[in-house]
Amino acid sequence: MCGRYALFRWTPAFAALPGFPADQQAQWNISPADWVLIMRAAENADGIELVRARWGLTP
């Protein structure tokens, strides 16, 4: 499985979320095991949050 992708633009709504880094750079070659910014349901409250997570599957 290749599993590579690029993250080079985001919506203004995504960029306005708390925790979005002001210096977020485009990532053109994201491969499994790279750390990426993701949006998920907040664990301790209603709404959503931005966190860093590893991309890919661990066997």
PDB file of N, CA and C in Angstrom:
ATOM      1  N   MET A   1       0.845  -1.180   0.000  1.00  0.00           N
ATOM      2  CA  MET A   1       0.000   0.000   0.000  1.00  0.00           C
ATOM      3  C   MET A   1       0.884   1.234   0.000  1.00  0.00           C
ATOM      4  N   CYS A   2       0.685   2.101  -0.937  1.00  0.00           N
ATOM      5  CA  CYS A   2       1.456   3.337  -0.989  1.00  0.00           C
ATOM      6  C   CYS A   2       0.962   4.295   0.089  1.00  0.00           C
ATOM      7  N   GLY A   3      -0.287   4.696   0.027  1.00  0.00           N
ATOM      8  CA  GLY A   3      -0.881   5.522   1.062  1.00  0.00           C
ATOM      9  C   GLY A   3      -0.386   6.948   1.136  1.00  0.00           C
ATOM     10  N   ARG A   4       0.250   7.438   0.098  1.00  0.00           N
ATOM     11  CA  ARG A   4       0.758   8.809   0.116  1.00  0.00           C
ATOM     12  C   ARG A   4      -0.309   9.783  -0.373  1.00  0.00           C
ATOM     13  N   TYR A   5      -0.247  10.997   0.173  1.00  0.00           N
ATOM     14  CA  TYR A   5      -1.145  12.046  -0.301  1.00  0.00           C
ATOM     15  C   TYR A   5      -0.503  13.400  -0.048  1.00  0.00           C
ATOM     16  N   ALA A   6      -1.153  14.454  -0.517  1.00  0.00           N
ATOM     17  CA  ALA A   6      -0.661  15.817  -0.339  1.00  0.00           C
ATOM     18  C   ALA A   6      -1.711  16.641   0.391  1.00  0.00           C
ATOM     19  N   LEU A   7      -1.243  17.573   1.197  1.00  0.00           N
ATOM     20  CA  LEU A   7      -2.115  18.525   1.877  1.00  0.00           C
ATOM     21  C   LEU A   7      -1.535  19.907   1.604  1.00  0.00           C
ATOM     22  N   PHE A   8      -2.082  20.573   0.598  1.00  0.00           N
ATOM     23  CA  PHE A   8      -1.482  21.828   0.177  1.00  0.00           C
ATOM     24  C   PHE A   8      -2.435  23.010   0.220  1.00  0.00           C
ATOM     25  N   ARG A   9      -3.692  22.778   0.567  1.00  0.00           N
ATOM     26  CA  ARG A   9      -4.618  23.893   0.770  1.00  0.00           C
ATOM     27  C   ARG A   9      -5.713  23.443   1.724  1.00  0.00           C
ATOM     28  N   TRP A  10      -6.312  24.378   2.393  1.00  0.00           N
ATOM     29  CA  TRP A  10      -7.360  24.092   3.365  1.00  0.00           C
ATOM     30  C   TRP A  10      -8.377  25.211   3.317  1.00  0.00           C
ATOM     31  N   THR A  11      -9.569  24.901   3.765  1.00  0.00           N
ATOM     32  CA  THR A  11     -10.647  25.887   3.734  1.00  0.00           C
ATOM     33  C   THR A  11     -10.431  26.927   4.827  1.00  0.00           C
ATOM     34  N   PRO A  12     -10.981  28.127   4.639  1.00  0.00           N
ATOM     35  CA  PRO A  12     -10.886  29.143   5.691  1.00  0.00           C
ATOM     36  C   PRO A  12     -11.500  28.668   7.016  1.00  0.00           C
ATOM     37  N   ALA A  13     -12.559  27.861   6.944  1.00  0.00           N
ATOM     38  CA  ALA A  13     -13.185  27.353   8.171  1.00  0.00           C
ATOM     39  C   ALA A  13     -12.222  26.441   8.930  1.00  0.00           C
ATOM     40  N   PHE A  14     -11.464  25.616   8.214  1.00  0.00           N
ATOM     41  CA  PHE A  14     -10.477  24.734   8.846  1.00  0.00           C
ATOM     42  C   PHE A  14      -9.359  25.561   9.465  1.00  0.00           C
ATOM     43  N   ALA A  15      -8.891  26.570   8.744  1.00  0.00           N
ATOM     44  CA  ALA A  15      -7.802  27.415   9.230  1.00  0.00           C
ATOM     45  C   ALA A  15      -8.223  28.270  10.420  1.00  0.00           C
ATOM     46  N   ALA A  16      -9.518  28.525  10.590  1.00  0.00           N
ATOM     47  CA  ALA A  16     -10.008  29.351  11.696  1.00  0.00           C
ATOM     48  C   ALA A  16     -10.188  28.566  12.991  1.00  0.00           C
ATOM     49  N   LEU A  17     -10.048  27.248  12.955  1.00  0.00           N
ATOM     50  CA  LEU A  17     -10.238  26.441  14.161  1.00  0.00           C
ATOM     51  C   LEU A  17      -9.130  26.707  15.176  1.00  0.00           C
ATOM     52  N   PRO A  18      -9.480  26.705  16.475  1.00  0.00           N
ATOM     53  CA  PRO A  18      -8.439  26.862  17.499  1.00  0.00           C
ATOM     54  C   PRO A  18      -7.406  25.743  17.379  1.00  0.00           C
ATOM     55  N   GLY A  19      -6.155  26.111  17.475  1.00  0.00           N
ATOM     56  CA  GLY A  19      -5.083  25.127  17.374  1.00  0.00           C
ATOM     57  C   GLY A  19      -4.466  25.030  15.993  1.00  0.00           C
ATOM     58  N   PHE A  20      -5.065  25.698  14.985  1.00  0.00           N
ATOM     59  CA  PHE A  20      -4.476  25.652  13.643  1.00  0.00           C
ATOM     60  C   PHE A  20      -3.205  26.491  13.652  1.00  0.00           C
ATOM     61  N   PRO A  21      -2.066  25.907  13.288  1.00  0.00           N
ATOM     62  CA  PRO A  21      -0.801  26.649  13.328  1.00  0.00           C
ATOM     63  C   PRO A  21      -0.779  27.782  12.304  1.00  0.00           C
ATOM     64  N   ALA A  22      -0.381  28.958  12.750  1.00  0.00           N
ATOM     65  CA  ALA A  22      -0.306  30.111  11.852  1.00  0.00           C
ATOM     66  C   ALA A  22       0.733  29.892  10.759  1.00  0.00           C
ATOM     67  N   ASP A  23       1.736  29.072  11.036  1.00  0.00           N
ATOM     68  CA  ASP A  23       2.811  28.831  10.067  1.00  0.00           C
ATOM     69  C   ASP A  23       2.653  27.498   9.334  1.00  0.00           C
ATOM     70  N   GLN A  24       1.442  26.978   9.258  1.00  0.00           N
ATOM     71  CA  GLN A  24       1.199  25.692   8.584  1.00  0.00           C
ATOM     72  C   GLN A  24       1.675  25.760   7.134  1.00  0.00           C
ATOM     73  N   GLN A  25       2.536  24.850   6.767  1.00  0.00           N
ATOM     74  CA  GLN A  25       3.090  24.790   5.417  1.00  0.00           C
ATOM     75  C   GLN A  25       2.426  23.672   4.621  1.00  0.00           C
ATOM     76  N   ALA A  26       2.423  23.824   3.314  1.00  0.00           N
ATOM     77  CA  ALA A  26       1.919  22.761   2.440  1.00  0.00           C
ATOM     78  C   ALA A  26       2.807  21.528   2.597  1.00  0.00           C
ATOM     79  N   GLN A  27       2.190  20.358   2.567  1.00  0.00           N
ATOM     80  CA  GLN A  27       2.919  19.090   2.625  1.00  0.00           C
ATOM     81  C   GLN A  27       2.601  18.340   1.335  1.00  0.00           C
ATOM     82  N   TRP A  28       3.610  18.135   0.495  1.00  0.00           N
ATOM     83  CA  TRP A  28       3.400  17.573  -0.834  1.00  0.00           C
ATOM     84  C   TRP A  28       3.622  16.073  -0.910  1.00  0.00           C
ATOM     85  N   ASN A  29       4.207  15.466   0.102  1.00  0.00           N
ATOM     86  CA  ASN A  29       4.520  14.041   0.026  1.00  0.00           C
ATOM     87  C   ASN A  29       4.338  13.398   1.399  1.00  0.00           C
ATOM     88  N   ILE A  30       3.106  13.295   1.846  1.00  0.00           N
ATOM     89  CA  ILE A  30       2.815  12.700   3.143  1.00  0.00           C
ATOM     90  C   ILE A  30       2.767  11.187   2.963  1.00  0.00           C
ATOM     91  N   SER A  31       3.601  10.503   3.711  1.00  0.00           N
ATOM     92  CA  SER A  31       3.669   9.044   3.591  1.00  0.00           C
ATOM     93  C   SER A  31       3.288   8.398   4.923  1.00  0.00           C
ATOM     94  N   PRO A  32       2.999   7.093   4.920  1.00  0.00           N
ATOM     95  CA  PRO A  32       2.679   6.411   6.168  1.00  0.00           C
ATOM     96  C   PRO A  32       3.766   6.651   7.217  1.00  0.00           C
ATOM     97  N   ALA A  33       3.341   6.863   8.443  1.00  0.00           N
ATOM     98  CA  ALA A  33       4.173   7.138   9.612  1.00  0.00           C
ATOM     99  C   ALA A  33       4.518   8.616   9.767  1.00  0.00           C
ATOM    100  N   ASP A  34       4.130   9.488   8.828  1.00  0.00           N
ATOM    101  CA  ASP A  34       4.333  10.928   8.992  1.00  0.00           C
ATOM    102  C   ASP A  34       3.287  11.491   9.948  1.00  0.00           C
ATOM    103  N   TRP A  35       3.649  12.550  10.648  1.00  0.00           N
ATOM    104  CA  TRP A  35       2.710  13.250  11.520  1.00  0.00           C
ATOM    105  C   TRP A  35       1.959  14.283  10.702  1.00  0.00           C
ATOM    106  N   VAL A  36       0.633  14.296  10.837  1.00  0.00           N
ATOM    107  CA  VAL A  36      -0.211  15.230  10.083  1.00  0.00           C
ATOM    108  C   VAL A  36      -1.234  15.868  11.014  1.00  0.00           C
ATOM    109  N   LEU A  37      -1.756  16.997  10.600  1.00  0.00           N
ATOM    110  CA  LEU A  37      -2.796  17.699  11.338  1.00  0.00           C
ATOM    111  C   LEU A  37      -4.145  17.127  10.930  1.00  0.00           C
ATOM    112  N   ILE A  38      -4.939  16.697  11.921  1.00  0.00           N
ATOM    113  CA  ILE A  38      -6.263  16.146  11.628  1.00  0.00           C
ATOM    114  C   ILE A  38      -7.324  16.864  12.454  1.00  0.00           C
ATOM    115  N   MET A  39      -8.545  16.783  11.989  1.00  0.00           N
ATOM    116  CA  MET A  39      -9.691  17.327  12.697  1.00  0.00           C
ATOM    117  C   MET A  39     -10.506  16.138  13.193  1.00  0.00           C
ATOM    118  N   ARG A  40     -10.895  16.169  14.484  1.00  0.00           N
ATOM    119  CA  ARG A  40     -11.671  15.064  15.046  1.00  0.00           C
ATOM    120  C   ARG A  40     -12.670  15.606  16.064  1.00  0.00           C
ATOM    121  N   ALA A  41     -13.601  14.756  16.450  1.00  0.00           N
ATOM    122  CA  ALA A  41     -14.546  15.126  17.499  1.00  0.00           C
ATOM    123  C   ALA A  41     -13.766  15.327  18.798  1.00  0.00           C
ATOM    124  N   ALA A  42     -14.083  16.381  19.513  1.00  0.00           N
ATOM    125  CA  ALA A  42     -13.398  16.674  20.772  1.00  0.00           C
ATOM    126  C   ALA A  42     -13.676  15.572  21.789  1.00  0.00           C
ATOM    127  N   GLU A  43     -12.653  15.186  22.529  1.00  0.00           N
ATOM    128  CA  GLU A  43     -12.796  14.105  23.506  1.00  0.00           C
ATOM    129  C   GLU A  43     -13.554  14.526  24.757  1.00  0.00           C
ATOM    130  N   ASN A  44     -13.352  15.754  25.210  1.00  0.00           N
ATOM    131  CA  ASN A  44     -13.927  16.162  26.487  1.00  0.00           C
ATOM    132  C   ASN A  44     -15.022  17.224  26.369  1.00  0.00           C
ATOM    133  N   ALA A  45     -15.437  17.544  25.169  1.00  0.00           N
ATOM    134  CA  ALA A  45     -16.470  18.571  24.998  1.00  0.00           C
ATOM    135  C   ALA A  45     -17.156  18.373  23.655  1.00  0.00           C
ATOM    136  N   ASP A  46     -18.236  19.086  23.482  1.00  0.00           N
ATOM    137  CA  ASP A  46     -18.890  19.066  22.176  1.00  0.00           C
ATOM    138  C   ASP A  46     -18.046  19.852  21.186  1.00  0.00           C
ATOM    139  N   GLY A  47     -18.148  19.514  19.941  1.00  0.00           N
ATOM    140  CA  GLY A  47     -17.420  20.238  18.914  1.00  0.00           C
ATOM    141  C   GLY A  47     -16.281  19.425  18.332  1.00  0.00           C
ATOM    142  N   ILE A  48     -15.337  20.144  17.742  1.00  0.00           N
ATOM    143  CA  ILE A  48     -14.212  19.502  17.079  1.00  0.00           C
ATOM    144  C   ILE A  48     -12.909  20.095  17.583  1.00  0.00           C
ATOM    145  N   GLU A  49     -11.815  19.370  17.350  1.00  0.00           N
ATOM    146  CA  GLU A  49     -10.495  19.839  17.743  1.00  0.00           C
ATOM    147  C   GLU A  49      -9.480  19.439  16.681  1.00  0.00           C
ATOM    148  N   LEU A  50      -8.374  20.164  16.657  1.00  0.00           N
ATOM    149  CA  LEU A  50      -7.264  19.842  15.765  1.00  0.00           C
ATOM    150  C   LEU A  50      -6.156  19.201  16.586  1.00  0.00           C
ATOM    151  N   VAL A  51      -5.640  18.096  16.096  1.00  0.00           N
ATOM    152  CA  VAL A  51      -4.538  17.400  16.761  1.00  0.00           C
ATOM    153  C   VAL A  51      -3.589  16.847  15.702  1.00  0.00           C
ATOM    154  N   ARG A  52      -2.395  16.512  16.125  1.00  0.00           N
ATOM    155  CA  ARG A  52      -1.446  15.837  15.234  1.00  0.00           C
ATOM    156  C   ARG A  52      -1.569  14.340  15.470  1.00  0.00           C
ATOM    157  N   ALA A  53      -1.517  13.583  14.387  1.00  0.00           N
ATOM    158  CA  ALA A  53      -1.618  12.128  14.469  1.00  0.00           C
ATOM    159  C   ALA A  53      -0.726  11.512  13.402  1.00  0.00           C
ATOM    160  N   ARG A  54      -0.355  10.261  13.611  1.00  0.00           N
ATOM    161  CA  ARG A  54       0.448   9.544  12.614  1.00  0.00           C
ATOM    162  C   ARG A  54      -0.463   9.017  11.525  1.00  0.00           C
ATOM    163  N   TRP A  55      -0.056   9.186  10.284  1.00  0.00           N
ATOM    164  CA  TRP A  55      -0.809   8.717   9.137  1.00  0.00           C
ATOM    165  C   TRP A  55      -0.417   7.282   8.847  1.00  0.00           C
ATOM    166  N   GLY A  56      -1.412   6.422   8.586  1.00  0.00           N
ATOM    167  CA  GLY A  56      -1.141   5.057   8.169  1.00  0.00           C
ATOM    168  C   GLY A  56      -1.721   4.023   9.113  1.00  0.00           C
ATOM    169  N   LEU A  57      -1.503   2.774   8.764  1.00  0.00           N
ATOM    170  CA  LEU A  57      -1.990   1.644   9.548  1.00  0.00           C
ATOM    171  C   LEU A  57      -0.817   0.944  10.217  1.00  0.00           C
ATOM    172  N   THR A  58      -1.020   0.521  11.450  1.00  0.00           N
ATOM    173  CA  THR A  58      -0.011  -0.251  12.157  1.00  0.00           C
ATOM    174  C   THR A  58      -0.477  -1.698  12.204  1.00  0.00           C
ATOM    175  N   PRO A  59       0.299  -2.603  11.620  1.00  0.00           N
ATOM    176  CA  PRO A  59      -0.136  -4.006  11.605  1.00  0.00           C
ATOM    177  C   PRO A  59      -0.111  -4.629  12.987  1.00  0.00           C
TER     178      PRO A  59
END
